Amino acid sequence: MTAKQIQEYILCLKEERYYDAHEALEALWFPRRFEESSEVKLLKGLINAAVSFELLKRGRKPQSKKVWANYLKYRQELFKTETKHLNDYYQLTRFVEEIHKKS
């Protein structure tokens, strides 16, 4: 994870550009997608959060709920992840959950 992608993800979420937020983290996740690490699964969860918001924005509430459930499943990886970016992940999960509460 790099600060650039984190900041891009947050900016996109703030601007309700959820598809772009998805793309910002996808650039980190995609090359590592076959790894079985908690960090990679957590990235996948954060990507799912952005997808959930995009679906909600498009009026597809049932699909949004389903994708949000995937976020929640992968969010649990936060407690297993050993990385120097752990604080960033905590901040990101709090941020996406605040957006979810408002939606």
N, C-alpha and C. Protein backbone atom coordinates (compact mmCIF):
# COMPACT_ATOMS: atom_id res chain seq x y z
N MET A 1 0.85 -1.18 0.00
CA MET A 1 0.00 0.00 0.00
C MET A 1 0.88 1.23 0.00
N THR A 2 0.47 2.21 -0.73
CA THR A 2 1.22 3.45 -0.75
C THR A 2 0.30 4.60 -0.35
N ALA A 3 0.90 5.63 0.15
CA ALA A 3 0.13 6.80 0.57
C ALA A 3 -0.65 7.39 -0.61
N LYS A 4 -0.08 7.30 -1.80
CA LYS A 4 -0.76 7.86 -2.98
C LYS A 4 -2.11 7.18 -3.22
N GLN A 5 -2.12 5.85 -3.18
CA GLN A 5 -3.38 5.13 -3.41
C GLN A 5 -4.38 5.37 -2.28
N ILE A 6 -3.88 5.44 -1.07
CA ILE A 6 -4.76 5.70 0.07
C ILE A 6 -5.44 7.06 -0.09
N GLN A 7 -4.64 8.07 -0.38
CA GLN A 7 -5.18 9.41 -0.53
C GLN A 7 -6.15 9.49 -1.71
N GLU A 8 -5.81 8.80 -2.79
CA GLU A 8 -6.70 8.78 -3.96
C GLU A 8 -8.03 8.11 -3.62
N TYR A 9 -7.96 7.00 -2.90
CA TYR A 9 -9.16 6.26 -2.47
C TYR A 9 -10.06 7.18 -1.63
N ILE A 10 -9.46 7.84 -0.65
CA ILE A 10 -10.23 8.73 0.24
C ILE A 10 -10.83 9.89 -0.54
N LEU A 11 -10.04 10.51 -1.39
CA LEU A 11 -10.53 11.64 -2.18
C LEU A 11 -11.71 11.22 -3.05
N CYS A 12 -11.56 10.09 -3.70
CA CYS A 12 -12.64 9.59 -4.57
C CYS A 12 -13.91 9.33 -3.76
N LEU A 13 -13.76 8.74 -2.58
CA LEU A 13 -14.93 8.49 -1.74
C LEU A 13 -15.59 9.80 -1.33
N LYS A 14 -14.78 10.77 -0.94
CA LYS A 14 -15.34 12.08 -0.53
C LYS A 14 -16.09 12.74 -1.67
N GLU A 15 -15.60 12.55 -2.89
CA GLU A 15 -16.22 13.16 -4.06
C GLU A 15 -17.30 12.27 -4.68
N GLU A 16 -17.61 11.17 -4.00
CA GLU A 16 -18.62 10.21 -4.46
C GLU A 16 -18.28 9.64 -5.83
N ARG A 17 -16.99 9.51 -6.10
CA ARG A 17 -16.50 8.84 -7.31
C ARG A 17 -16.09 7.43 -6.89
N TYR A 18 -17.08 6.63 -6.61
CA TYR A 18 -16.85 5.32 -6.01
C TYR A 18 -16.15 4.35 -6.97
N TYR A 19 -16.49 4.44 -8.24
CA TYR A 19 -15.81 3.58 -9.20
C TYR A 19 -14.32 3.90 -9.22
N ASP A 20 -13.97 5.17 -9.19
CA ASP A 20 -12.57 5.57 -9.19
C ASP A 20 -11.87 5.14 -7.90
N ALA A 21 -12.60 5.17 -6.79
CA ALA A 21 -12.03 4.70 -5.52
C ALA A 21 -11.68 3.21 -5.64
N HIS A 22 -12.59 2.47 -6.23
CA HIS A 22 -12.36 1.05 -6.48
C HIS A 22 -11.08 0.86 -7.29
N GLU A 23 -10.93 1.66 -8.34
CA GLU A 23 -9.76 1.55 -9.21
C GLU A 23 -8.46 1.89 -8.48
N ALA A 24 -8.51 2.85 -7.57
CA ALA A 24 -7.31 3.25 -6.83
C ALA A 24 -6.73 2.08 -6.04
N LEU A 25 -7.60 1.33 -5.36
CA LEU A 25 -7.11 0.19 -4.58
C LEU A 25 -6.91 -1.05 -5.44
N GLU A 26 -7.64 -1.14 -6.51
CA GLU A 26 -7.47 -2.29 -7.41
C GLU A 26 -6.03 -2.35 -7.93
N ALA A 27 -5.43 -1.19 -8.13
CA ALA A 27 -4.05 -1.15 -8.61
C ALA A 27 -3.09 -1.81 -7.61
N LEU A 28 -3.44 -1.77 -6.34
CA LEU A 28 -2.63 -2.44 -5.31
C LEU A 28 -2.99 -3.91 -5.18
N TRP A 29 -4.28 -4.19 -5.23
CA TRP A 29 -4.76 -5.55 -4.99
C TRP A 29 -4.46 -6.49 -6.15
N PHE A 30 -4.70 -6.03 -7.37
CA PHE A 30 -4.65 -6.92 -8.53
C PHE A 30 -3.34 -7.70 -8.67
N PRO A 31 -2.18 -7.07 -8.56
CA PRO A 31 -0.93 -7.85 -8.71
C PRO A 31 -0.74 -8.89 -7.60
N ARG A 32 -1.43 -8.70 -6.49
CA ARG A 32 -1.26 -9.61 -5.34
C ARG A 32 -2.49 -10.49 -5.10
N ARG A 33 -3.43 -10.48 -6.02
CA ARG A 33 -4.74 -11.11 -5.80
C ARG A 33 -4.70 -12.59 -5.47
N PHE A 34 -3.63 -13.30 -5.84
CA PHE A 34 -3.57 -14.73 -5.57
C PHE A 34 -2.89 -15.05 -4.24
N GLU A 35 -2.42 -14.03 -3.55
CA GLU A 35 -1.82 -14.24 -2.24
C GLU A 35 -2.93 -14.55 -1.23
N GLU A 36 -2.60 -15.32 -0.25
CA GLU A 36 -3.56 -15.65 0.80
C GLU A 36 -3.33 -14.82 2.05
N SER A 37 -2.81 -13.62 1.90
CA SER A 37 -2.50 -12.80 3.07
C SER A 37 -3.73 -12.02 3.53
N SER A 38 -3.73 -11.71 4.80
CA SER A 38 -4.82 -10.92 5.38
C SER A 38 -4.85 -9.52 4.77
N GLU A 39 -3.70 -8.96 4.48
CA GLU A 39 -3.65 -7.63 3.90
C GLU A 39 -4.33 -7.60 2.53
N VAL A 40 -4.08 -8.60 1.71
CA VAL A 40 -4.69 -8.65 0.38
C VAL A 40 -6.21 -8.82 0.51
N LYS A 41 -6.64 -9.64 1.44
CA LYS A 41 -8.08 -9.82 1.65
C LYS A 41 -8.72 -8.53 2.15
N LEU A 42 -8.02 -7.81 3.00
CA LEU A 42 -8.53 -6.54 3.50
C LEU A 42 -8.66 -5.52 2.36
N LEU A 43 -7.68 -5.48 1.48
CA LEU A 43 -7.78 -4.61 0.30
C LEU A 43 -9.02 -4.97 -0.52
N LYS A 44 -9.24 -6.26 -0.68
CA LYS A 44 -10.41 -6.72 -1.43
C LYS A 44 -11.70 -6.23 -0.75
N GLY A 45 -11.71 -6.26 0.55
CA GLY A 45 -12.86 -5.76 1.29
C GLY A 45 -13.09 -4.28 1.08
N LEU A 46 -12.03 -3.50 1.12
CA LEU A 46 -12.15 -2.06 0.91
C LEU A 46 -12.60 -1.74 -0.52
N ILE A 47 -12.17 -2.54 -1.45
CA ILE A 47 -12.64 -2.39 -2.83
C ILE A 47 -14.14 -2.69 -2.89
N ASN A 48 -14.56 -3.73 -2.18
CA ASN A 48 -15.98 -4.07 -2.13
C ASN A 48 -16.81 -2.94 -1.52
N ALA A 49 -16.26 -2.24 -0.54
CA ALA A 49 -16.98 -1.11 0.06
C ALA A 49 -17.27 -0.05 -1.00
N ALA A 50 -16.26 0.27 -1.80
CA ALA A 50 -16.45 1.27 -2.86
C ALA A 50 -17.48 0.79 -3.89
N VAL A 51 -17.42 -0.48 -4.23
CA VAL A 51 -18.40 -1.05 -5.18
C VAL A 51 -19.81 -0.97 -4.59
N SER A 52 -19.94 -1.25 -3.32
CA SER A 52 -21.24 -1.17 -2.66
C SER A 52 -21.81 0.24 -2.75
N PHE A 53 -20.96 1.25 -2.53
CA PHE A 53 -21.42 2.63 -2.62
C PHE A 53 -21.83 2.99 -4.05
N GLU A 54 -21.07 2.50 -5.01
CA GLU A 54 -21.41 2.78 -6.42
C GLU A 54 -22.75 2.15 -6.79
N LEU A 55 -22.98 0.94 -6.33
CA LEU A 55 -24.25 0.27 -6.60
C LEU A 55 -25.40 1.04 -5.96
N LEU A 56 -25.20 1.50 -4.75
CA LEU A 56 -26.23 2.28 -4.07
C LEU A 56 -26.51 3.58 -4.82
N LYS A 57 -25.47 4.21 -5.28
CA LYS A 57 -25.59 5.45 -6.07
C LYS A 57 -26.42 5.21 -7.34
N ARG A 58 -26.31 4.02 -7.89
CA ARG A 58 -27.05 3.67 -9.11
C ARG A 58 -28.44 3.11 -8.83
N GLY A 59 -28.83 3.13 -7.54
CA GLY A 59 -30.16 2.67 -7.18
C GLY A 59 -30.31 1.16 -7.09
N ARG A 60 -29.23 0.47 -6.94
CA ARG A 60 -29.26 -1.00 -6.89
C ARG A 60 -29.00 -1.47 -5.45
N LYS A 61 -29.96 -1.16 -4.59
CA LYS A 61 -29.82 -1.40 -3.15
C LYS A 61 -29.61 -2.87 -2.79
N PRO A 62 -30.36 -3.83 -3.34
CA PRO A 62 -30.13 -5.23 -2.96
C PRO A 62 -28.70 -5.70 -3.30
N GLN A 63 -28.22 -5.30 -4.46
CA GLN A 63 -26.86 -5.68 -4.86
C GLN A 63 -25.83 -5.00 -3.96
N SER A 64 -26.12 -3.76 -3.60
CA SER A 64 -25.22 -3.01 -2.71
C SER A 64 -25.09 -3.71 -1.36
N LYS A 65 -26.21 -4.17 -0.83
CA LYS A 65 -26.19 -4.87 0.47
C LYS A 65 -25.36 -6.15 0.39
N LYS A 66 -25.48 -6.86 -0.71
CA LYS A 66 -24.74 -8.10 -0.89
C LYS A 66 -23.23 -7.83 -0.93
N VAL A 67 -22.84 -6.80 -1.65
CA VAL A 67 -21.42 -6.46 -1.75
C VAL A 67 -20.91 -5.93 -0.41
N TRP A 68 -21.75 -5.17 0.30
CA TRP A 68 -21.36 -4.68 1.62
C TRP A 68 -21.09 -5.85 2.58
N ALA A 69 -21.86 -6.90 2.47
CA ALA A 69 -21.63 -8.09 3.29
C ALA A 69 -20.25 -8.67 3.02
N ASN A 70 -19.79 -8.60 1.77
CA ASN A 70 -18.43 -9.04 1.45
C ASN A 70 -17.40 -8.15 2.12
N TYR A 71 -17.65 -6.84 2.12
CA TYR A 71 -16.75 -5.94 2.84
C TYR A 71 -16.65 -6.36 4.30
N LEU A 72 -17.79 -6.59 4.93
CA LEU A 72 -17.79 -6.96 6.35
C LEU A 72 -17.03 -8.26 6.60
N LYS A 73 -17.17 -9.19 5.68
CA LYS A 73 -16.44 -10.47 5.80
C LYS A 73 -14.94 -10.23 5.77
N TYR A 74 -14.49 -9.45 4.82
CA TYR A 74 -13.05 -9.20 4.69
C TYR A 74 -12.52 -8.21 5.72
N ARG A 75 -13.39 -7.39 6.28
CA ARG A 75 -12.96 -6.43 7.30
C ARG A 75 -12.33 -7.15 8.49
N GLN A 76 -12.80 -8.33 8.77
CA GLN A 76 -12.26 -9.10 9.90
C GLN A 76 -10.77 -9.38 9.75
N GLU A 77 -10.28 -9.32 8.53
CA GLU A 77 -8.84 -9.54 8.28
C GLU A 77 -7.99 -8.44 8.91
N LEU A 78 -8.62 -7.32 9.22
CA LEU A 78 -7.91 -6.21 9.86
C LEU A 78 -7.23 -6.68 11.14
N PHE A 79 -7.87 -7.58 11.85
CA PHE A 79 -7.35 -8.04 13.14
C PHE A 79 -6.28 -9.11 12.99
N LYS A 80 -6.03 -9.55 11.78
CA LYS A 80 -5.01 -10.57 11.52
C LYS A 80 -3.83 -10.01 10.74
N THR A 81 -3.97 -8.79 10.24
CA THR A 81 -2.98 -8.20 9.36
C THR A 81 -1.79 -7.67 10.14
N GLU A 82 -0.62 -8.06 9.70
CA GLU A 82 0.62 -7.53 10.27
C GLU A 82 1.32 -6.74 9.18
N THR A 83 1.23 -5.43 9.28
CA THR A 83 1.80 -4.55 8.27
C THR A 83 2.10 -3.19 8.87
N LYS A 84 3.02 -2.49 8.26
CA LYS A 84 3.31 -1.14 8.72
C LYS A 84 2.17 -0.18 8.39
N HIS A 85 1.23 -0.61 7.59
CA HIS A 85 0.10 0.22 7.16
C HIS A 85 -1.16 -0.02 8.01
N LEU A 86 -1.02 -0.71 9.12
CA LEU A 86 -2.19 -1.08 9.92
C LEU A 86 -3.01 0.14 10.33
N ASN A 87 -2.35 1.21 10.76
CA ASN A 87 -3.08 2.41 11.16
C ASN A 87 -3.87 2.98 9.98
N ASP A 88 -3.28 2.96 8.79
CA ASP A 88 -3.99 3.42 7.60
C ASP A 88 -5.25 2.58 7.35
N TYR A 89 -5.12 1.27 7.52
CA TYR A 89 -6.27 0.39 7.32
C TYR A 89 -7.37 0.67 8.34
N TYR A 90 -6.99 0.91 9.59
CA TYR A 90 -7.98 1.25 10.60
C TYR A 90 -8.72 2.52 10.20
N GLN A 91 -7.99 3.53 9.75
CA GLN A 91 -8.61 4.79 9.34
C GLN A 91 -9.54 4.58 8.15
N LEU A 92 -9.10 3.77 7.20
CA LEU A 92 -9.94 3.52 6.02
C LEU A 92 -11.23 2.80 6.39
N THR A 93 -11.14 1.81 7.26
CA THR A 93 -12.36 1.08 7.64
C THR A 93 -13.32 2.00 8.38
N ARG A 94 -12.80 2.84 9.26
CA ARG A 94 -13.68 3.79 9.96
C ARG A 94 -14.33 4.75 8.96
N PHE A 95 -13.55 5.20 7.99
CA PHE A 95 -14.06 6.15 7.00
C PHE A 95 -15.17 5.52 6.16
N VAL A 96 -14.96 4.32 5.64
CA VAL A 96 -16.00 3.71 4.80
C VAL A 96 -17.24 3.38 5.63
N GLU A 97 -17.06 3.04 6.88
CA GLU A 97 -18.22 2.72 7.72
C GLU A 97 -19.02 3.98 8.05
N GLU A 98 -18.37 5.12 8.14
CA GLU A 98 -19.08 6.38 8.31
C GLU A 98 -19.92 6.69 7.07
N ILE A 99 -19.35 6.47 5.91
CA ILE A 99 -20.10 6.70 4.67
C ILE A 99 -21.31 5.77 4.63
N HIS A 100 -21.10 4.53 5.01
CA HIS A 100 -22.19 3.55 4.99
C HIS A 100 -23.32 3.96 5.93
N LYS A 101 -22.98 4.47 7.09
CA LYS A 101 -24.00 4.91 8.05
C LYS A 101 -24.87 6.02 7.47
N LYS A 102 -24.26 6.89 6.67
CA LYS A 102 -24.97 8.03 6.10
C LYS A 102 -25.80 7.65 4.89
N SER A 103 -25.53 6.48 4.31
CA SER A 103 -26.24 6.11 3.09
C SER A 103 -27.52 5.36 3.35
